[in-house]
N, C-alpha and C. Protein backbone atom coordinates (compact mmCIF):
# COMPACT_ATOMS: atom_id res chain seq x y z
N LEU A 1 -90.61 62.33 7.01
CA LEU A 1 -90.54 63.43 8.01
C LEU A 1 -90.12 64.76 7.33
N ALA A 2 -89.15 64.64 6.43
CA ALA A 2 -88.61 65.87 5.70
C ALA A 2 -89.76 66.42 4.86
N LYS A 3 -90.51 65.57 4.19
CA LYS A 3 -91.65 66.08 3.38
C LYS A 3 -92.68 66.75 4.24
N HIS A 4 -93.02 66.11 5.34
CA HIS A 4 -94.01 66.67 6.23
C HIS A 4 -93.54 67.98 6.81
N ALA A 5 -92.25 68.19 7.11
CA ALA A 5 -91.70 69.42 7.61
C ALA A 5 -91.37 70.41 6.54
N ALA A 6 -91.58 70.05 5.28
CA ALA A 6 -91.33 70.96 4.11
C ALA A 6 -89.89 71.39 4.11
N VAL A 7 -88.97 70.43 4.31
CA VAL A 7 -87.55 70.72 4.22
C VAL A 7 -86.88 69.78 3.22
N THR A 8 -85.77 70.16 2.70
CA THR A 8 -84.99 69.30 1.77
C THR A 8 -83.77 68.83 2.46
N LEU A 9 -83.51 67.54 2.36
CA LEU A 9 -82.29 66.91 2.92
C LEU A 9 -81.29 66.93 1.76
N ALA A 10 -80.14 67.53 1.96
CA ALA A 10 -79.12 67.61 0.92
C ALA A 10 -77.94 66.69 1.25
N ILE A 11 -77.82 65.58 0.55
CA ILE A 11 -76.74 64.58 0.76
C ILE A 11 -75.41 65.17 0.18
N GLU A 12 -74.41 65.11 0.98
CA GLU A 12 -73.14 65.67 0.54
C GLU A 12 -72.01 64.68 0.86
N ASP A 13 -71.08 64.49 -0.04
CA ASP A 13 -69.88 63.65 0.19
C ASP A 13 -69.07 64.29 1.28
N VAL A 14 -68.64 63.44 2.28
CA VAL A 14 -67.79 63.94 3.38
C VAL A 14 -66.45 63.25 3.42
N TRP A 15 -65.99 62.63 2.38
CA TRP A 15 -64.71 61.95 2.32
C TRP A 15 -64.60 60.79 3.16
N ASP A 16 -65.75 60.12 3.43
CA ASP A 16 -65.68 58.88 4.25
C ASP A 16 -65.82 57.66 3.37
N GLY A 17 -65.86 57.85 2.05
CA GLY A 17 -65.92 56.71 1.11
C GLY A 17 -67.23 56.08 0.93
N PHE A 18 -68.30 56.68 1.53
CA PHE A 18 -69.62 56.05 1.46
C PHE A 18 -70.24 56.20 0.07
N VAL A 19 -70.43 57.34 -0.42
CA VAL A 19 -70.86 57.60 -1.78
C VAL A 19 -69.92 58.64 -2.37
N VAL A 20 -69.16 58.31 -3.41
CA VAL A 20 -68.14 59.24 -3.84
C VAL A 20 -68.29 59.75 -5.26
N GLY A 21 -68.59 58.95 -6.20
CA GLY A 21 -68.78 59.39 -7.60
C GLY A 21 -70.17 59.91 -7.86
N PRO A 22 -70.28 60.63 -8.99
CA PRO A 22 -71.65 61.21 -9.30
C PRO A 22 -72.69 60.12 -9.53
N LEU A 23 -72.32 58.99 -10.13
CA LEU A 23 -73.35 57.92 -10.31
C LEU A 23 -73.79 57.35 -9.06
N GLU A 24 -72.83 57.12 -8.09
CA GLU A 24 -73.15 56.58 -6.74
C GLU A 24 -74.07 57.56 -6.01
N VAL A 25 -73.78 58.89 -6.08
CA VAL A 25 -74.64 59.82 -5.37
C VAL A 25 -76.00 59.82 -6.04
N ALA A 26 -76.14 59.77 -7.33
CA ALA A 26 -77.41 59.73 -8.00
C ALA A 26 -78.25 58.49 -7.57
N ARG A 27 -77.58 57.34 -7.52
CA ARG A 27 -78.29 56.10 -7.10
C ARG A 27 -78.76 56.22 -5.63
N TYR A 28 -77.90 56.80 -4.82
CA TYR A 28 -78.27 56.89 -3.38
C TYR A 28 -79.44 57.84 -3.19
N VAL A 29 -79.38 59.00 -3.85
CA VAL A 29 -80.47 59.97 -3.74
C VAL A 29 -81.75 59.35 -4.30
N ASP A 30 -81.71 58.69 -5.42
CA ASP A 30 -82.85 58.10 -6.06
C ASP A 30 -83.44 57.00 -5.19
N ALA A 31 -82.68 56.26 -4.41
CA ALA A 31 -83.11 55.16 -3.55
C ALA A 31 -84.13 55.64 -2.55
N PHE A 32 -84.10 56.90 -2.13
CA PHE A 32 -85.04 57.45 -1.19
C PHE A 32 -86.46 57.60 -1.77
N GLU A 33 -86.54 57.66 -3.13
CA GLU A 33 -87.82 57.84 -3.79
C GLU A 33 -88.60 59.02 -3.16
N SER A 34 -87.92 60.12 -2.92
CA SER A 34 -88.59 61.28 -2.27
C SER A 34 -88.01 62.53 -2.89
N ARG A 35 -88.91 63.45 -3.23
CA ARG A 35 -88.56 64.77 -3.74
C ARG A 35 -87.88 65.60 -2.62
N SER A 36 -87.92 65.17 -1.43
CA SER A 36 -87.30 65.92 -0.26
C SER A 36 -85.85 65.54 -0.08
N VAL A 37 -85.31 64.62 -0.85
CA VAL A 37 -83.92 64.27 -0.74
C VAL A 37 -83.23 64.67 -2.02
N LYS A 38 -82.20 65.50 -1.85
CA LYS A 38 -81.44 66.01 -3.06
C LYS A 38 -79.94 65.79 -2.70
N ALA A 39 -79.13 66.46 -3.53
CA ALA A 39 -77.67 66.39 -3.37
C ALA A 39 -77.11 67.80 -3.24
N CYS A 40 -75.98 67.88 -2.46
CA CYS A 40 -75.17 69.05 -2.37
C CYS A 40 -73.83 68.69 -2.95
N VAL A 41 -73.34 69.50 -3.86
CA VAL A 41 -72.06 69.25 -4.49
C VAL A 41 -71.02 70.22 -3.94
N ASP A 42 -69.98 69.70 -3.31
CA ASP A 42 -68.86 70.54 -2.79
C ASP A 42 -67.78 70.47 -3.77
N THR A 43 -67.53 71.58 -4.52
CA THR A 43 -66.49 71.55 -5.55
C THR A 43 -65.10 71.17 -5.10
N SER A 44 -64.78 71.35 -3.81
CA SER A 44 -63.43 71.03 -3.34
C SER A 44 -63.30 69.53 -3.10
N ARG A 45 -64.38 68.82 -2.94
CA ARG A 45 -64.35 67.41 -2.66
C ARG A 45 -64.55 66.50 -3.92
N THR A 46 -65.31 67.06 -4.88
CA THR A 46 -65.59 66.27 -6.02
C THR A 46 -64.35 66.04 -6.96
N VAL A 47 -63.39 66.86 -6.86
CA VAL A 47 -62.21 66.77 -7.77
C VAL A 47 -61.49 65.45 -7.70
N PHE A 48 -61.68 64.70 -6.64
CA PHE A 48 -60.99 63.40 -6.50
C PHE A 48 -61.74 62.29 -7.32
N TYR A 49 -63.00 62.58 -7.67
CA TYR A 49 -63.82 61.51 -8.27
C TYR A 49 -64.27 61.86 -9.65
N ALA A 50 -64.48 63.12 -9.98
CA ALA A 50 -64.98 63.55 -11.29
C ALA A 50 -64.90 65.06 -11.27
N SER A 51 -65.11 65.72 -12.40
CA SER A 51 -65.11 67.14 -12.43
C SER A 51 -66.40 67.75 -11.84
N HIS A 52 -66.30 68.98 -11.44
CA HIS A 52 -67.52 69.62 -10.87
C HIS A 52 -68.64 69.58 -11.90
N GLN A 53 -68.26 69.85 -13.17
CA GLN A 53 -69.30 69.89 -14.23
C GLN A 53 -69.92 68.49 -14.38
N ASP A 54 -69.11 67.43 -14.29
CA ASP A 54 -69.69 66.10 -14.40
C ASP A 54 -70.64 65.77 -13.29
N PHE A 55 -70.28 66.17 -12.06
CA PHE A 55 -71.23 65.94 -10.98
C PHE A 55 -72.52 66.66 -11.20
N ILE A 56 -72.47 67.89 -11.61
CA ILE A 56 -73.68 68.68 -11.77
C ILE A 56 -74.44 68.16 -12.96
N ARG A 57 -73.82 67.83 -14.07
CA ARG A 57 -74.50 67.26 -15.27
C ARG A 57 -75.23 65.97 -14.92
N ILE A 58 -74.54 65.06 -14.24
CA ILE A 58 -75.04 63.73 -13.95
C ILE A 58 -76.13 63.77 -12.92
N LEU A 59 -75.96 64.56 -11.90
CA LEU A 59 -76.95 64.66 -10.84
C LEU A 59 -78.18 65.54 -11.25
N GLY A 60 -77.96 66.49 -12.18
CA GLY A 60 -79.04 67.23 -12.74
C GLY A 60 -79.97 67.87 -11.69
N SER A 61 -81.27 67.62 -11.82
CA SER A 61 -82.24 68.17 -10.93
C SER A 61 -82.14 67.65 -9.50
N ARG A 62 -81.25 66.65 -9.23
CA ARG A 62 -81.05 66.18 -7.87
C ARG A 62 -80.25 67.22 -7.05
N VAL A 63 -79.48 68.11 -7.69
CA VAL A 63 -78.68 69.07 -7.02
C VAL A 63 -79.48 70.20 -6.52
N VAL A 64 -79.39 70.46 -5.23
CA VAL A 64 -80.08 71.56 -4.62
C VAL A 64 -79.19 72.71 -4.16
N LYS A 65 -77.88 72.36 -4.09
CA LYS A 65 -76.89 73.41 -3.62
C LYS A 65 -75.51 72.99 -4.08
N VAL A 66 -74.68 74.00 -4.43
CA VAL A 66 -73.30 73.85 -4.76
C VAL A 66 -72.51 74.65 -3.75
N ARG A 67 -71.40 74.02 -3.22
CA ARG A 67 -70.50 74.77 -2.33
C ARG A 67 -69.19 74.87 -3.04
N ALA A 68 -68.62 76.02 -3.00
CA ALA A 68 -67.32 76.31 -3.66
C ALA A 68 -66.35 76.93 -2.64
N ARG A 69 -65.12 76.63 -2.72
CA ARG A 69 -64.06 77.16 -1.81
C ARG A 69 -63.39 78.34 -2.47
N SER A 70 -63.66 78.57 -3.74
CA SER A 70 -63.05 79.74 -4.42
C SER A 70 -64.02 80.28 -5.47
N MET A 71 -63.74 81.50 -5.78
CA MET A 71 -64.59 82.21 -6.79
C MET A 71 -64.35 81.52 -8.17
N GLY A 72 -63.16 80.99 -8.40
CA GLY A 72 -62.81 80.31 -9.68
C GLY A 72 -63.75 79.23 -10.00
N ALA A 73 -64.17 78.45 -8.97
CA ALA A 73 -65.03 77.31 -9.13
C ALA A 73 -66.43 77.70 -9.65
N LEU A 74 -66.80 78.92 -9.45
CA LEU A 74 -68.09 79.41 -9.88
C LEU A 74 -68.26 79.37 -11.43
N GLY A 75 -67.17 79.63 -12.14
CA GLY A 75 -67.18 79.54 -13.58
C GLY A 75 -67.53 78.19 -14.06
N ASP A 76 -66.99 77.12 -13.37
CA ASP A 76 -67.27 75.74 -13.64
C ASP A 76 -68.80 75.51 -13.52
N VAL A 77 -69.35 76.04 -12.47
CA VAL A 77 -70.81 75.87 -12.19
C VAL A 77 -71.62 76.56 -13.31
N ALA A 78 -71.18 77.76 -13.63
CA ALA A 78 -71.92 78.50 -14.71
C ALA A 78 -71.88 77.78 -15.98
N ASP A 79 -70.82 77.04 -16.29
CA ASP A 79 -70.64 76.32 -17.54
C ASP A 79 -71.75 75.29 -17.80
N VAL A 80 -72.28 74.78 -16.71
CA VAL A 80 -73.29 73.70 -16.84
C VAL A 80 -74.71 74.24 -16.53
N ALA A 81 -74.85 75.54 -16.50
CA ALA A 81 -76.16 76.21 -16.32
C ALA A 81 -76.85 75.75 -15.11
N PHE A 82 -76.22 75.59 -13.99
CA PHE A 82 -76.84 75.23 -12.68
C PHE A 82 -77.72 76.43 -12.25
N ARG A 83 -78.94 76.15 -11.83
CA ARG A 83 -79.85 77.15 -11.29
C ARG A 83 -80.25 76.68 -9.90
N GLY A 84 -79.58 77.35 -8.93
CA GLY A 84 -79.94 77.00 -7.54
C GLY A 84 -78.97 77.75 -6.65
N TRP A 85 -78.90 77.30 -5.38
CA TRP A 85 -78.03 77.92 -4.33
C TRP A 85 -76.65 77.57 -4.55
N VAL A 86 -75.74 78.57 -4.42
CA VAL A 86 -74.29 78.42 -4.45
C VAL A 86 -73.75 79.21 -3.30
N THR A 87 -72.91 78.59 -2.50
CA THR A 87 -72.19 79.30 -1.44
C THR A 87 -70.73 79.20 -1.75
N VAL A 88 -70.01 80.34 -1.39
CA VAL A 88 -68.57 80.42 -1.63
C VAL A 88 -67.94 80.73 -0.27
N GLU A 89 -67.00 79.87 0.15
CA GLU A 89 -66.29 80.12 1.38
C GLU A 89 -64.95 80.75 1.05
N THR A 90 -64.79 81.97 1.46
CA THR A 90 -63.56 82.70 1.15
C THR A 90 -62.90 83.15 2.47
N LEU A 91 -61.61 83.41 2.38
CA LEU A 91 -60.96 84.02 3.58
C LEU A 91 -60.87 85.50 3.58
């Protein structure tokens, strides 16, 4: 349905323990066998399982978006040469 509608589904960890580490997220996204299913990395949530850079390096082209809670996290994203959407939530 996502492919037909020309949208991308971005899987994101929501602290429910379903898929938590970068390898688990990679396996889950790959299991769909669809270019329409990707990953969203939230830098505030990944710190419990691996570094932001590790998530982005391991997920590679599966990452469609990165969410950051601070401007400081953007340096981490730049270090791994991520090319895609990044949103920063600031107060």
